Amino acid sequence: MSSAVFDSVSALVIDDVRFTLQRLLRTLEQIGIADTHAAPNGAAACKMIETGEIQPTLIIADF
């Protein structure tokens, strides 16, 4: 798959398990999504979005 497909994708991964968080970020980067961000919980993710720090087009969260 061409990485050009994901050039405009910004991903936010939310997970409190550090291993899972790192694995998901690595997988996203391997498929060509270079603009990845991580948050350990929903509150941190909301703050990142509310302050304009990031504007993700894809959010992956555990529940």
N, C-alpha and C. Protein backbone atom coordinates (compact mmCIF):
# COMPACT_ATOMS: atom_id res chain seq x y z
N MET A 1 0.84 -1.17 0.00
CA MET A 1 0.00 0.00 0.00
C MET A 1 0.89 1.24 0.00
N SER A 2 0.58 2.18 -0.80
CA SER A 2 1.36 3.40 -0.93
C SER A 2 1.16 4.29 0.29
N SER A 3 2.25 4.84 0.82
CA SER A 3 2.13 5.73 1.98
C SER A 3 1.46 7.04 1.59
N ALA A 4 1.43 7.38 0.31
CA ALA A 4 0.78 8.60 -0.14
C ALA A 4 -0.71 8.60 0.22
N VAL A 5 -1.29 7.43 0.35
CA VAL A 5 -2.70 7.30 0.71
C VAL A 5 -2.94 7.90 2.10
N PHE A 6 -1.95 7.80 2.97
CA PHE A 6 -2.10 8.25 4.36
C PHE A 6 -1.43 9.58 4.66
N ASP A 7 -0.99 10.31 3.64
CA ASP A 7 -0.28 11.57 3.86
C ASP A 7 -1.08 12.57 4.68
N SER A 8 -2.38 12.61 4.51
CA SER A 8 -3.19 13.60 5.21
C SER A 8 -3.81 13.04 6.50
N VAL A 9 -3.46 11.83 6.89
CA VAL A 9 -4.04 11.21 8.08
C VAL A 9 -3.20 11.56 9.31
N SER A 10 -3.89 12.01 10.35
CA SER A 10 -3.28 12.25 11.65
C SER A 10 -4.00 11.34 12.64
N ALA A 11 -3.25 10.47 13.31
CA ALA A 11 -3.86 9.48 14.19
C ALA A 11 -3.56 9.76 15.65
N LEU A 12 -4.56 9.55 16.48
CA LEU A 12 -4.43 9.64 17.93
C LEU A 12 -4.79 8.29 18.52
N VAL A 13 -3.86 7.72 19.28
CA VAL A 13 -4.10 6.43 19.94
C VAL A 13 -4.24 6.69 21.44
N ILE A 14 -5.32 6.18 22.03
CA ILE A 14 -5.58 6.36 23.45
C ILE A 14 -5.63 4.99 24.11
N ASP A 15 -4.70 4.76 25.02
CA ASP A 15 -4.66 3.47 25.72
C ASP A 15 -3.84 3.62 26.98
N ASP A 16 -4.31 3.06 28.08
CA ASP A 16 -3.59 3.15 29.35
C ASP A 16 -2.52 2.07 29.51
N VAL A 17 -2.50 1.10 28.61
CA VAL A 17 -1.48 0.05 28.64
C VAL A 17 -0.36 0.47 27.69
N ARG A 18 0.79 0.80 28.25
CA ARG A 18 1.90 1.36 27.46
C ARG A 18 2.33 0.43 26.32
N PHE A 19 2.40 -0.87 26.56
CA PHE A 19 2.80 -1.81 25.51
C PHE A 19 1.83 -1.73 24.33
N THR A 20 0.54 -1.74 24.61
CA THR A 20 -0.47 -1.68 23.56
C THR A 20 -0.38 -0.36 22.80
N LEU A 21 -0.21 0.71 23.54
CA LEU A 21 -0.08 2.03 22.93
C LEU A 21 1.10 2.08 21.96
N GLN A 22 2.26 1.62 22.39
CA GLN A 22 3.45 1.63 21.55
C GLN A 22 3.28 0.72 20.34
N ARG A 23 2.67 -0.43 20.52
CA ARG A 23 2.47 -1.37 19.42
C ARG A 23 1.54 -0.78 18.36
N LEU A 24 0.47 -0.14 18.79
CA LEU A 24 -0.46 0.48 17.84
C LEU A 24 0.22 1.61 17.08
N LEU A 25 0.99 2.44 17.77
CA LEU A 25 1.71 3.53 17.10
C LEU A 25 2.68 2.96 16.06
N ARG A 26 3.41 1.92 16.42
CA ARG A 26 4.36 1.30 15.50
C ARG A 26 3.65 0.73 14.28
N THR A 27 2.51 0.10 14.49
CA THR A 27 1.74 -0.48 13.38
C THR A 27 1.25 0.60 12.44
N LEU A 28 0.74 1.70 12.99
CA LEU A 28 0.27 2.80 12.15
C LEU A 28 1.42 3.37 11.32
N GLU A 29 2.58 3.53 11.93
CA GLU A 29 3.74 4.04 11.20
C GLU A 29 4.18 3.07 10.11
N GLN A 30 4.09 1.78 10.38
CA GLN A 30 4.48 0.77 9.40
C GLN A 30 3.58 0.78 8.18
N ILE A 31 2.32 1.14 8.34
CA ILE A 31 1.42 1.18 7.19
C ILE A 31 1.44 2.53 6.49
N GLY A 32 2.23 3.46 7.02
CA GLY A 32 2.43 4.73 6.33
C GLY A 32 1.82 5.96 6.97
N ILE A 33 1.28 5.82 8.17
CA ILE A 33 0.74 6.99 8.87
C ILE A 33 1.86 7.55 9.75
N ALA A 34 2.47 8.62 9.29
CA ALA A 34 3.62 9.19 10.00
C ALA A 34 3.21 10.16 11.12
N ASP A 35 2.05 10.79 10.98
CA ASP A 35 1.60 11.77 11.97
C ASP A 35 0.78 11.06 13.04
N THR A 36 1.47 10.50 14.05
CA THR A 36 0.80 9.75 15.11
C THR A 36 1.03 10.44 16.45
N HIS A 37 0.03 10.31 17.31
CA HIS A 37 0.08 10.91 18.64
C HIS A 37 -0.47 9.90 19.64
N ALA A 38 -0.04 10.03 20.90
CA ALA A 38 -0.46 9.09 21.93
C ALA A 38 -0.99 9.83 23.15
N ALA A 39 -1.97 9.22 23.79
CA ALA A 39 -2.51 9.74 25.05
C ALA A 39 -2.77 8.55 25.97
N PRO A 40 -2.44 8.67 27.25
CA PRO A 40 -2.63 7.55 28.17
C PRO A 40 -4.07 7.37 28.65
N ASN A 41 -4.92 8.40 28.41
CA ASN A 41 -6.31 8.30 28.83
C ASN A 41 -7.16 9.32 28.08
N GLY A 42 -8.46 9.20 28.25
CA GLY A 42 -9.38 10.07 27.53
C GLY A 42 -9.25 11.54 27.90
N ALA A 43 -9.00 11.82 29.17
CA ALA A 43 -8.86 13.21 29.61
C ALA A 43 -7.68 13.88 28.93
N ALA A 44 -6.57 13.18 28.86
CA ALA A 44 -5.37 13.73 28.19
C ALA A 44 -5.64 13.94 26.70
N ALA A 45 -6.34 13.00 26.10
CA ALA A 45 -6.66 13.11 24.67
C ALA A 45 -7.56 14.31 24.42
N CYS A 46 -8.57 14.49 25.25
CA CYS A 46 -9.48 15.63 25.09
C CYS A 46 -8.73 16.94 25.23
N LYS A 47 -7.81 17.01 26.19
CA LYS A 47 -7.04 18.23 26.39
C LYS A 47 -6.19 18.54 25.15
N MET A 48 -5.57 17.51 24.57
CA MET A 48 -4.76 17.69 23.37
C MET A 48 -5.59 18.25 22.22
N ILE A 49 -6.81 17.76 22.10
CA ILE A 49 -7.70 18.20 21.01
C ILE A 49 -8.25 19.59 21.30
N GLU A 50 -8.71 19.82 22.54
CA GLU A 50 -9.30 21.10 22.91
C GLU A 50 -8.32 22.27 22.79
N THR A 51 -7.07 22.03 23.12
CA THR A 51 -6.06 23.09 23.07
C THR A 51 -5.55 23.31 21.65
N GLY A 52 -5.96 22.47 20.72
CA GLY A 52 -5.52 22.61 19.34
C GLY A 52 -4.14 22.03 19.08
N GLU A 53 -3.61 21.31 20.07
CA GLU A 53 -2.29 20.68 19.91
C GLU A 53 -2.30 19.72 18.72
N ILE A 54 -3.41 19.01 18.57
CA ILE A 54 -3.55 18.08 17.45
C ILE A 54 -4.97 18.16 16.90
N GLN A 55 -5.14 17.75 15.66
CA GLN A 55 -6.44 17.64 15.02
C GLN A 55 -6.50 16.30 14.31
N PRO A 56 -6.73 15.22 15.07
CA PRO A 56 -6.68 13.89 14.46
C PRO A 56 -7.83 13.63 13.50
N THR A 57 -7.50 12.89 12.45
CA THR A 57 -8.52 12.43 11.53
C THR A 57 -8.91 10.99 11.83
N LEU A 58 -8.10 10.35 12.69
CA LEU A 58 -8.35 8.97 13.11
C LEU A 58 -8.07 8.87 14.60
N ILE A 59 -9.01 8.30 15.34
CA ILE A 59 -8.82 8.09 16.79
C ILE A 59 -9.04 6.61 17.06
N ILE A 60 -8.07 6.00 17.75
CA ILE A 60 -8.18 4.60 18.18
C ILE A 60 -8.13 4.62 19.70
N ALA A 61 -9.18 4.08 20.34
CA ALA A 61 -9.25 4.10 21.80
C ALA A 61 -9.74 2.75 22.32
N ASP A 62 -9.24 2.40 23.49
CA ASP A 62 -9.77 1.21 24.14
C ASP A 62 -10.84 1.65 25.13
N PHE A 63 -11.74 0.73 25.46
CA PHE A 63 -12.80 1.03 26.41
C PHE A 63 -12.80 0.00 27.50
